[in-house]
Protein backbone atom coordinates (compact mmCIF):
# COMPACT_ATOMS: atom_id res chain seq x y z
CA UNK A 1 -0.12 -0.02 -0.06
CA UNK A 2 1.35 3.41 -0.92
CA UNK A 3 1.80 5.77 2.06
CA UNK A 4 0.29 9.39 1.49
CA UNK A 5 1.03 11.86 4.22
CA UNK A 6 -1.24 14.35 2.67
CA UNK A 7 -4.15 13.01 0.60
CA UNK A 8 -5.24 14.87 -2.74
CA UNK A 9 -8.77 15.02 -1.24
CA UNK A 10 -7.83 16.70 1.93
CA UNK A 11 -5.69 19.31 0.09
CA UNK A 12 -8.71 20.03 -2.19
CA UNK A 13 -10.89 20.49 0.79
CA UNK A 14 -8.57 23.19 2.12
CA UNK A 15 -9.48 25.30 -1.00
CA UNK A 16 -13.07 25.78 0.49
CA UNK A 17 -14.19 29.09 2.09
CA UNK A 18 -15.23 27.19 5.21
CA UNK A 19 -11.57 26.04 5.80
CA UNK A 20 -10.23 29.36 4.99
CA UNK A 21 -12.48 31.05 7.60
CA UNK A 22 -11.79 28.40 10.23
CA UNK A 23 -7.99 28.63 9.83
CA UNK A 24 -8.06 32.46 9.83
CA UNK A 25 -10.19 32.32 13.03
CA UNK A 26 -7.88 29.84 14.63
CA UNK A 27 -4.86 32.05 13.79
CA UNK A 28 -6.27 35.25 15.32
CA UNK A 29 -7.68 33.40 18.44
CA UNK A 30 -4.07 32.00 19.03
CA UNK A 31 -2.54 35.21 18.38
CA UNK A 32 -4.65 37.05 20.82
CA UNK A 33 -4.21 34.44 23.36
CA UNK A 34 -0.50 34.80 22.95
CA UNK A 35 -0.57 38.67 23.43
CA UNK A 36 -2.59 38.11 26.52
CA UNK A 37 -0.66 35.52 28.36
CA UNK A 38 2.86 36.32 26.85
CA UNK A 39 3.60 39.51 24.99
CA UNK A 40 1.77 41.92 27.43
CA UNK A 41 2.99 40.23 30.74
CA UNK A 42 6.39 39.99 29.47
CA UNK A 43 6.94 42.96 27.26
CA UNK A 44 4.29 45.42 28.73
CA UNK A 45 7.12 47.78 29.70
CA UNK A 46 8.06 48.07 25.97
CA UNK A 47 4.64 49.53 25.04
CA UNK A 48 2.63 46.31 24.56
CA UNK A 49 0.05 47.01 27.05
CA UNK A 50 -3.24 45.29 27.60
CA UNK A 51 -6.00 47.90 27.80
CA UNK A 52 -9.29 46.53 26.26
CA UNK A 53 -11.88 49.06 24.99
CA UNK A 54 -14.79 46.62 24.37
CA UNK A 55 -16.22 48.79 21.67
CA UNK A 56 -12.92 49.05 19.81
CA UNK A 57 -12.45 45.20 20.41
CA UNK A 58 -15.81 44.44 18.87
CA UNK A 59 -15.08 46.94 15.91
CA UNK A 60 -11.75 45.19 15.32
CA UNK A 61 -13.44 41.75 14.87
CA UNK A 62 -16.06 43.16 12.72
CA UNK A 63 -13.42 44.75 10.39
CA UNK A 64 -11.53 41.64 10.30
CA UNK A 65 -14.44 39.41 9.49
CA UNK A 66 -15.19 41.67 6.61
CA UNK A 67 -11.62 41.49 5.16
CA UNK A 68 -11.55 37.70 5.62
CA UNK A 69 -14.82 37.60 3.69
CA UNK A 70 -13.54 39.78 0.66
CA UNK A 71 -9.85 38.82 0.50
CA UNK A 72 -8.87 35.93 -2.03
CA UNK A 73 -8.98 32.55 -0.61
CA UNK A 74 -7.21 30.46 -3.48
CA UNK A 75 -4.16 31.16 -5.45
CA UNK A 76 -5.21 32.03 -8.97
CA UNK A 77 -2.67 34.90 -9.63
CA UNK A 78 0.46 35.99 -7.70
CA UNK A 79 -1.17 38.85 -6.03
CA UNK A 80 -3.78 36.66 -4.44
CA UNK A 81 -1.00 35.44 -2.16
CA UNK A 82 0.35 38.96 -1.63
CA UNK A 83 -3.24 40.01 -0.46
CA UNK A 84 -3.27 36.94 1.85
CA UNK A 85 0.07 37.84 3.17
CA UNK A 86 -0.98 41.35 3.74
CA UNK A 87 -4.13 40.16 5.67
CA UNK A 88 -2.43 37.82 7.92
CA UNK A 89 0.96 38.96 8.53
CA UNK A 90 0.10 42.71 8.95
CA UNK A 91 -3.67 43.46 9.10
CA UNK A 92 -4.60 40.61 11.48
CA UNK A 93 -2.14 41.60 14.14
CA UNK A 94 -2.76 45.37 13.50
CA UNK A 95 -6.62 44.84 14.22
CA UNK A 96 -5.88 42.63 17.19
CA UNK A 97 -3.49 45.14 18.70
CA UNK A 98 -5.96 47.97 18.12
CA UNK A 99 -8.69 46.04 19.98
CA UNK A 100 -6.46 44.81 22.75
CA UNK A 101 -4.46 47.94 23.48
CA UNK A 102 -7.19 50.72 22.93
CA UNK A 103 -5.19 52.46 19.99
CA UNK A 104 -6.32 55.40 17.98
CA UNK A 105 -9.33 54.77 15.78
CA UNK A 106 -8.57 57.46 13.19
CA UNK A 107 -5.07 55.97 12.56
CA UNK A 108 -6.54 52.64 12.15
CA UNK A 109 -8.82 53.92 9.23
CA UNK A 110 -5.94 55.73 7.73
CA UNK A 111 -4.35 52.22 7.19
CA UNK A 112 -7.52 50.66 5.87
CA UNK A 113 -7.76 53.50 3.39
CA UNK A 114 -4.34 52.39 2.06
CA UNK A 115 -5.51 48.95 1.88
CA UNK A 116 -8.66 49.91 0.06
CA UNK A 117 -6.64 51.62 -2.63
CA UNK A 118 -4.42 48.36 -3.07
CA UNK A 119 -7.68 46.24 -3.37
CA UNK A 120 -9.24 48.52 -5.88
CA UNK A 121 -6.08 49.22 -8.17
CA UNK A 122 -4.81 45.68 -8.39
CA UNK A 123 -8.00 44.72 -10.31
CA UNK A 124 -8.04 45.34 -14.02
CA UNK A 125 -6.82 44.28 -17.47
CA UNK A 126 -3.33 42.72 -17.51
CA UNK A 127 -0.60 45.15 -18.43
CA UNK A 128 0.85 44.05 -21.92
CA UNK A 129 4.57 43.99 -22.09
CA UNK A 130 6.94 42.50 -24.56
CA UNK A 131 8.65 39.31 -24.51
CA UNK A 132 12.42 39.27 -24.20
CA UNK A 133 14.27 36.57 -26.23
CA UNK A 134 16.46 34.29 -24.03
CA UNK A 135 15.28 36.19 -20.93
CA UNK A 136 15.22 33.13 -18.79
CA UNK A 137 18.86 32.22 -19.61
CA UNK A 138 19.90 35.94 -18.80
CA UNK A 139 18.30 35.79 -15.47
CA UNK A 140 20.09 32.47 -14.59
CA UNK A 141 23.48 33.83 -15.69
CA UNK A 142 23.16 37.14 -13.87
CA UNK A 143 21.80 35.44 -10.76
CA UNK A 144 24.63 32.81 -10.82
CA UNK A 145 27.28 35.21 -11.36
CA UNK A 146 26.15 37.60 -8.68
CA UNK A 147 25.93 34.83 -6.16
CA UNK A 148 29.79 33.90 -7.05
CA UNK A 149 30.82 37.64 -6.82
CA UNK A 150 29.01 37.99 -3.37
CA UNK A 151 30.46 34.79 -1.87
CA UNK A 152 34.01 35.72 -2.95
CA UNK A 153 33.48 39.30 -1.58
CA UNK A 154 32.24 38.14 1.74
CA UNK A 155 35.39 35.96 2.22
CA UNK A 156 37.77 38.79 1.00
CA UNK A 157 36.08 41.67 3.01
CA UNK A 158 35.28 39.89 6.21
CA UNK A 159 37.54 36.81 6.43
CA UNK A 160 36.37 33.40 7.72
CA UNK A 161 37.21 34.45 11.34
CA UNK A 162 33.80 36.22 11.34
CA UNK A 163 31.91 33.15 10.24
CA UNK A 164 29.22 32.33 12.78
CA UNK A 165 26.07 30.08 12.64
CA UNK A 166 25.26 30.31 16.27
CA UNK A 167 21.95 31.99 16.53
CA UNK A 168 22.54 33.25 20.00
CA UNK A 169 25.85 35.05 18.93
CA UNK A 170 24.47 36.77 15.66
CA UNK A 171 24.22 40.18 17.39
CA UNK A 172 27.80 40.09 18.52
CA UNK A 173 29.08 39.69 14.91
CA UNK A 174 26.48 41.61 12.98
CA UNK A 175 27.60 45.15 13.43
CA UNK A 176 31.42 44.47 13.03
CA UNK A 177 30.56 42.32 9.95
CA UNK A 178 28.13 44.96 8.45
CA UNK A 179 30.86 47.56 8.59
CA UNK A 180 33.19 45.27 6.54
CA UNK A 181 30.82 43.91 3.91
CA UNK A 182 28.41 46.86 3.33
CA UNK A 183 30.87 48.98 1.44
CA UNK A 184 29.40 51.14 -1.29
CA UNK A 185 27.40 49.26 -4.05
CA UNK A 186 28.39 45.91 -2.48
CA UNK A 187 26.03 46.54 0.37
CA UNK A 188 23.20 46.62 -2.10
CA UNK A 189 24.38 43.61 -3.99
CA UNK A 190 24.74 41.47 -0.91
CA UNK A 191 21.21 42.13 -0.12
CA UNK A 192 19.96 41.60 -3.54
CA UNK A 193 21.84 38.19 -3.76
CA UNK A 194 20.49 36.93 -0.51
CA UNK A 195 16.91 38.31 -0.97
CA UNK A 196 16.33 38.02 -4.71
CA UNK A 197 18.97 36.07 -6.62
CA UNK A 198 19.51 33.36 -4.24
CA UNK A 199 15.63 32.56 -3.81
CA UNK A 200 15.26 33.12 -7.66
CA UNK A 201 17.80 30.47 -8.20
CA UNK A 202 16.15 28.07 -5.88
CA UNK A 203 12.77 28.60 -7.33
CA UNK A 204 14.26 27.83 -10.82
CA UNK A 205 16.01 24.60 -9.65
CA UNK A 206 12.69 23.41 -7.86
CA UNK A 207 10.80 24.25 -10.93
CA UNK A 208 13.12 22.24 -13.08
CA UNK A 209 13.54 19.47 -10.31
CA UNK A 210 17.19 19.88 -10.21
CA UNK A 211 18.14 18.35 -6.77
CA UNK A 212 21.89 19.34 -6.91
CA UNK A 213 21.10 22.90 -7.66
CA UNK A 214 18.67 22.98 -4.72
CA UNK A 215 21.37 21.59 -2.33
CA UNK A 216 23.70 24.17 -3.75
CA UNK A 217 21.48 26.99 -3.07
CA UNK A 218 20.67 25.80 0.51
CA UNK A 219 24.47 25.53 1.08
CA UNK A 220 25.08 28.93 -0.05
CA UNK A 221 22.37 30.50 2.10
CA UNK A 222 23.79 28.71 5.07
CA UNK A 223 27.32 30.08 4.29
CA UNK A 224 25.78 33.63 3.64
CA UNK A 225 24.00 33.48 7.02
CA UNK A 226 27.29 32.54 8.67
CA UNK A 227 29.06 35.44 6.98
CA UNK A 228 26.45 38.15 7.44
CA UNK A 229 24.93 37.07 10.76
CA UNK A 230 21.26 37.90 9.49
CA UNK A 231 19.05 35.09 10.57
CA UNK A 232 16.52 35.76 7.89
CA UNK A 233 19.06 34.73 5.17
CA UNK A 234 18.72 31.11 6.52
CA UNK A 235 14.93 31.30 6.34
CA UNK A 236 14.56 32.54 2.96
CA UNK A 237 15.12 29.17 1.06
CA UNK A 238 12.88 27.42 3.67
CA UNK A 239 10.14 29.79 2.78
CA UNK A 240 10.57 29.14 -1.09
CA UNK A 241 10.80 25.41 -0.75
CA UNK A 242 7.57 25.43 1.44
CA UNK A 243 5.58 27.51 -1.00
CA UNK A 244 6.69 25.21 -3.90
CA UNK A 245 5.69 22.16 -2.05
CA UNK A 246 2.42 23.45 -0.94
CA UNK A 247 1.06 25.13 -4.21
CA UNK A 248 2.10 21.83 -6.20
CA UNK A 249 -0.56 20.27 -4.09
CA UNK A 250 -3.29 22.96 -3.48
CA UNK A 251 -4.07 26.55 -4.37
CA UNK A 252 -5.54 27.04 -0.69
CA UNK A 253 -4.32 30.28 0.80
CA UNK A 254 -5.52 28.71 3.93
CA UNK A 255 -1.81 27.81 4.09
CA UNK A 256 -0.95 31.27 5.36
CA UNK A 257 -3.04 31.42 8.65
CA UNK A 258 -2.28 27.53 9.29
CA UNK A 259 1.43 28.02 9.07
CA UNK A 260 1.22 31.26 11.14
CA UNK A 261 -1.08 29.65 13.82
CA UNK A 262 1.38 26.67 14.00
CA UNK A 263 4.34 29.12 14.53
CA UNK A 264 2.59 31.07 17.28
CA UNK A 265 1.45 27.99 19.15
CA UNK A 266 4.89 26.35 19.02
CA UNK A 267 6.37 29.69 20.37
CA UNK A 268 3.53 30.13 23.04
CA UNK A 269 3.85 26.33 24.11
CA UNK A 270 7.76 26.79 24.48
CA UNK A 271 6.95 29.54 26.99
CA UNK A 272 4.23 27.77 28.99
CA UNK A 273 5.86 24.37 29.22
CA UNK A 274 9.63 25.13 29.70
CA UNK A 275 9.58 29.05 30.29
CA UNK A 276 11.51 29.71 27.13
CA UNK A 277 10.94 33.25 25.91
CA UNK A 278 13.26 33.43 22.98
CA UNK A 279 10.83 31.79 20.45
CA UNK A 280 7.91 33.92 21.61
CA UNK A 281 9.84 37.16 21.58
CA UNK A 282 11.16 36.33 18.10
CA UNK A 283 7.95 35.09 16.52
CA UNK A 284 4.99 36.45 18.45
CA UNK A 285 6.19 39.79 19.64
CA UNK A 286 8.85 40.69 16.78
CA UNK A 287 7.12 39.05 13.71
CA UNK A 288 3.50 39.89 14.43
CA UNK A 289 3.20 42.66 16.99
CA UNK A 290 6.25 44.99 16.48
CA UNK A 291 5.23 46.12 12.96
CA UNK A 292 1.64 47.16 13.86
CA UNK A 293 3.01 48.78 16.99
CA UNK A 294 5.42 50.84 15.04
CA UNK A 295 2.69 51.56 12.45
CA UNK A 296 0.62 53.22 15.22
CA UNK A 297 3.72 55.06 16.57
CA UNK A 298 4.51 56.48 13.20
CA UNK A 299 0.85 57.73 12.66
CA UNK A 300 0.84 59.23 16.08
CA UNK A 301 4.10 61.01 15.86
CA UNK A 302 3.55 62.48 12.34
CA UNK A 303 -0.03 63.54 13.10
CA UNK A 304 1.62 65.75 15.87
CA UNK A 305 4.74 67.00 13.75
CA UNK A 306 5.76 67.83 10.38
CA UNK A 307 5.46 65.54 7.36
CA UNK A 308 8.61 64.63 5.57
CA UNK A 309 7.67 64.91 1.88
CA UNK A 310 10.37 62.41 0.85
CA UNK A 311 13.00 64.86 1.97
CA UNK A 312 14.71 62.15 3.69
CA UNK A 313 15.39 60.39 0.34
CA UNK A 314 14.48 61.33 -3.27
CA UNK A 315 13.46 65.03 -2.64
CA UNK A 316 16.37 65.81 -0.29
CA UNK A 317 18.02 68.01 -3.00
CA UNK A 318 15.16 70.60 -3.10
CA UNK A 319 13.17 70.12 0.28
CA UNK A 320 14.77 70.53 3.70
CA UNK A 321 14.46 67.62 6.02
CA UNK A 322 12.79 68.87 9.19
CA UNK A 323 14.32 66.43 11.97
CA UNK A 324 17.89 65.88 13.23
CA UNK A 325 17.67 62.07 12.85
CA UNK A 326 16.47 60.06 10.05
CA UNK A 327 12.79 58.78 10.37
CA UNK A 328 13.40 55.39 11.90
CA UNK A 329 15.73 56.76 14.50
CA UNK A 330 13.43 59.74 15.23
CA UNK A 331 10.71 57.15 16.03
CA UNK A 332 13.04 55.00 18.02
CA UNK A 333 13.78 58.06 20.27
CA UNK A 334 9.98 58.78 20.31
CA UNK A 335 9.04 55.28 21.59
CA UNK A 336 11.91 55.34 24.14
CA UNK A 337 14.51 53.25 22.16
CA UNK A 338 17.27 55.81 21.36
CA UNK A 339 19.57 54.51 18.63
CA UNK A 340 17.18 51.88 17.46
CA UNK A 341 15.97 51.78 13.75
CA UNK A 342 12.29 51.55 14.14
CA UNK A 343 11.42 50.66 10.47
CA UNK A 344 7.78 50.05 9.48
CA UNK A 345 5.33 49.46 6.85
CA UNK A 346 4.78 51.46 3.62
CA UNK A 347 1.25 52.24 4.83
CA UNK A 348 2.79 54.13 7.74
CA UNK A 349 5.72 55.76 5.73
CA UNK A 350 3.16 57.09 3.15
CA UNK A 351 1.61 59.09 5.92
CA UNK A 352 5.02 60.07 7.27
CA UNK A 353 5.67 61.76 4.01
CA UNK A 354 2.47 63.38 2.94
CA UNK A 355 -0.34 62.36 5.44
CA UNK A 356 -3.58 61.06 3.87
CA UNK A 357 -2.68 61.89 0.43
CA UNK A 358 0.63 60.00 0.94
CA UNK A 359 -1.25 56.87 2.05
CA UNK A 360 -3.52 57.04 -1.07
CA UNK A 361 -0.81 57.41 -3.33
CA UNK A 362 1.30 54.69 -1.82
CA UNK A 363 -1.80 52.55 -1.84
CA UNK A 364 -2.52 53.21 -5.60
CA UNK A 365 1.02 52.63 -6.55
CA UNK A 366 1.27 49.29 -4.71
CA UNK A 367 -2.17 48.16 -6.10
CA UNK A 368 -0.76 48.94 -9.58
CA UNK A 369 2.43 46.98 -8.76
CA UNK A 370 0.32 43.93 -7.72
CA UNK A 371 -1.38 44.09 -11.25
CA UNK A 372 1.86 44.46 -12.93
CA UNK A 373 3.19 41.33 -11.00
CA UNK A 374 -0.12 39.42 -12.16
CA UNK A 375 0.51 40.54 -15.69
CA UNK A 376 4.07 39.19 -15.40
CA UNK A 377 3.22 35.79 -13.97
CA UNK A 378 2.07 34.34 -17.25
CA UNK A 379 3.55 33.08 -20.53
CA UNK A 380 4.95 29.95 -18.99
CA UNK A 381 5.65 31.13 -15.41
CA UNK A 382 3.55 29.39 -12.79
CA UNK A 383 1.83 31.49 -10.22
CA UNK A 384 3.92 30.03 -7.49
CA UNK A 385 7.18 31.10 -9.42
CA UNK A 386 5.66 34.63 -9.62
CA UNK A 387 5.12 34.44 -5.59
CA UNK A 388 8.36 33.25 -4.90
CA UNK A 389 10.10 35.71 -7.26
CA UNK A 390 8.89 38.65 -5.16
CA UNK A 391 7.67 37.49 -1.96
CA UNK A 392 10.83 38.30 0.06
CA UNK A 393 11.26 41.98 -0.83
CA UNK A 394 7.58 42.27 -0.62
CA UNK A 395 7.59 41.28 2.92
CA UNK A 396 9.92 44.04 3.56
CA UNK A 397 7.57 46.50 1.98
CA UNK A 398 4.50 45.20 3.67
CA UNK A 399 6.23 44.81 7.13
CA UNK A 400 9.15 47.13 7.51
CA UNK A 401 10.35 49.34 4.61
CA UNK A 402 9.38 52.65 2.85
CA UNK A 403 8.28 52.23 -0.82
CA UNK A 404 11.45 53.72 -2.31
CA UNK A 405 13.64 51.72 0.11
CA UNK A 406 11.76 48.31 -0.74
CA UNK A 407 12.05 48.98 -4.53
CA UNK A 408 15.81 49.78 -4.55
CA UNK A 409 17.59 48.59 -1.25
CA UNK A 410 15.40 45.33 -0.78
CA UNK A 411 15.25 44.48 -4.31
CA UNK A 412 11.75 44.69 -5.01
CA UNK A 413 12.23 46.60 -8.26
CA UNK A 414 14.94 44.06 -9.36
CA UNK A 415 12.50 41.25 -8.50
CA UNK A 416 10.11 42.49 -10.85
CA UNK A 417 12.56 43.01 -13.70
CA UNK A 418 13.66 39.49 -13.11
CA UNK A 419 9.97 38.23 -13.24
CA UNK A 420 9.73 40.19 -16.58
CA UNK A 421 12.59 38.29 -18.00
CA UNK A 422 11.43 34.78 -16.68
CA UNK A 423 8.38 34.90 -18.85
CA UNK A 424 10.28 35.38 -22.17
CA UNK A 425 11.19 31.75 -22.89
CA UNK A 426 7.80 30.55 -23.98
CA UNK A 427 4.29 31.64 -24.68
CA UNK A 428 1.81 29.47 -22.91
CA UNK A 429 -0.58 29.46 -19.89
CA UNK A 430 0.61 29.36 -16.51
CA UNK A 431 1.17 25.84 -15.26
CA UNK A 432 0.81 25.48 -11.37
CA UNK A 433 3.16 22.51 -11.46
């Protein structure tokens, strides 16, 4: 008898609306329990207070149920996954924190206005773009050469004496290593290779079922993690592989809340059973509640002070920046963490730049960006490849980066160019396999 760990019938059932709602509800309940029992008692001094206004709490659930009802539930195009990621990695914790901590109602609706713009402008006719001959081969060559260049650069600039794969010691190495490897344009290229080219090569090898290539990319990511001391570098290939595995079996976006609920539950249980706080601090507090906390902090600060109007970056040559510190450090001081880089979502930085018009502009831009990604995820490119091509820089945009920073520094613009080239090899309908 052939053993099947996951039956096709069970995977098909997960694509139903009831399973999506059930898994979403499970995630939110577990997340709120984690906040009640772990985050607020342990990190209440850090701003994570428990101050329930029952009207706001009910309001947060009402809005959340509405969003769960209208957001995509299966993967038909790449932006469906991005909307699911937005809902569960950002909006669900945002609404939970709003209801549990009695936060500003007006600021919540500013963020929801941006989400509305994204939802409206991602819909429409596909954007027609030309096919580039041999584009897929070009992507492979550029990505492979970049991986080699960065690997050699890390060894030459930092040396093997700074190689570290001990999670508990990464902060000892990170600052010193960063000063050595992030010199000039190489700082950008190192980020692009670890966030874009490495995951793209892994997706390509998975797509073509090249196991040696998969092993090579995993090995490189382990080495890059050891040389940069950035934990996320080690998790990127795991995310790409998981998405590849799941979407070969099912189109169910219930994947996202199921995965998150499992992560929160594991972290929470490690605290309850063995009083181990590291996992809970990393995954429950840092991953889920720090981004919405900083979002409300940005909106509060810039509702009381001057807007930036992009003078911290692209308009600096003709608009004076009004603060002594850059925005992330300014907010760090505001929340009592002097010297910290308090980076947050584009939905908050849009307000930082130009208030409500800034949020509307960013929402429209990102909605059109989603539509562009959908338009590129055709002509022989399976939807899961489109997702894995842009998901890591897109995470930075949704959870912790300004729009220009995500497009350039975090490689989102580069990911879109790569996706444009990947579709050039053949003209056919997308194959989910």
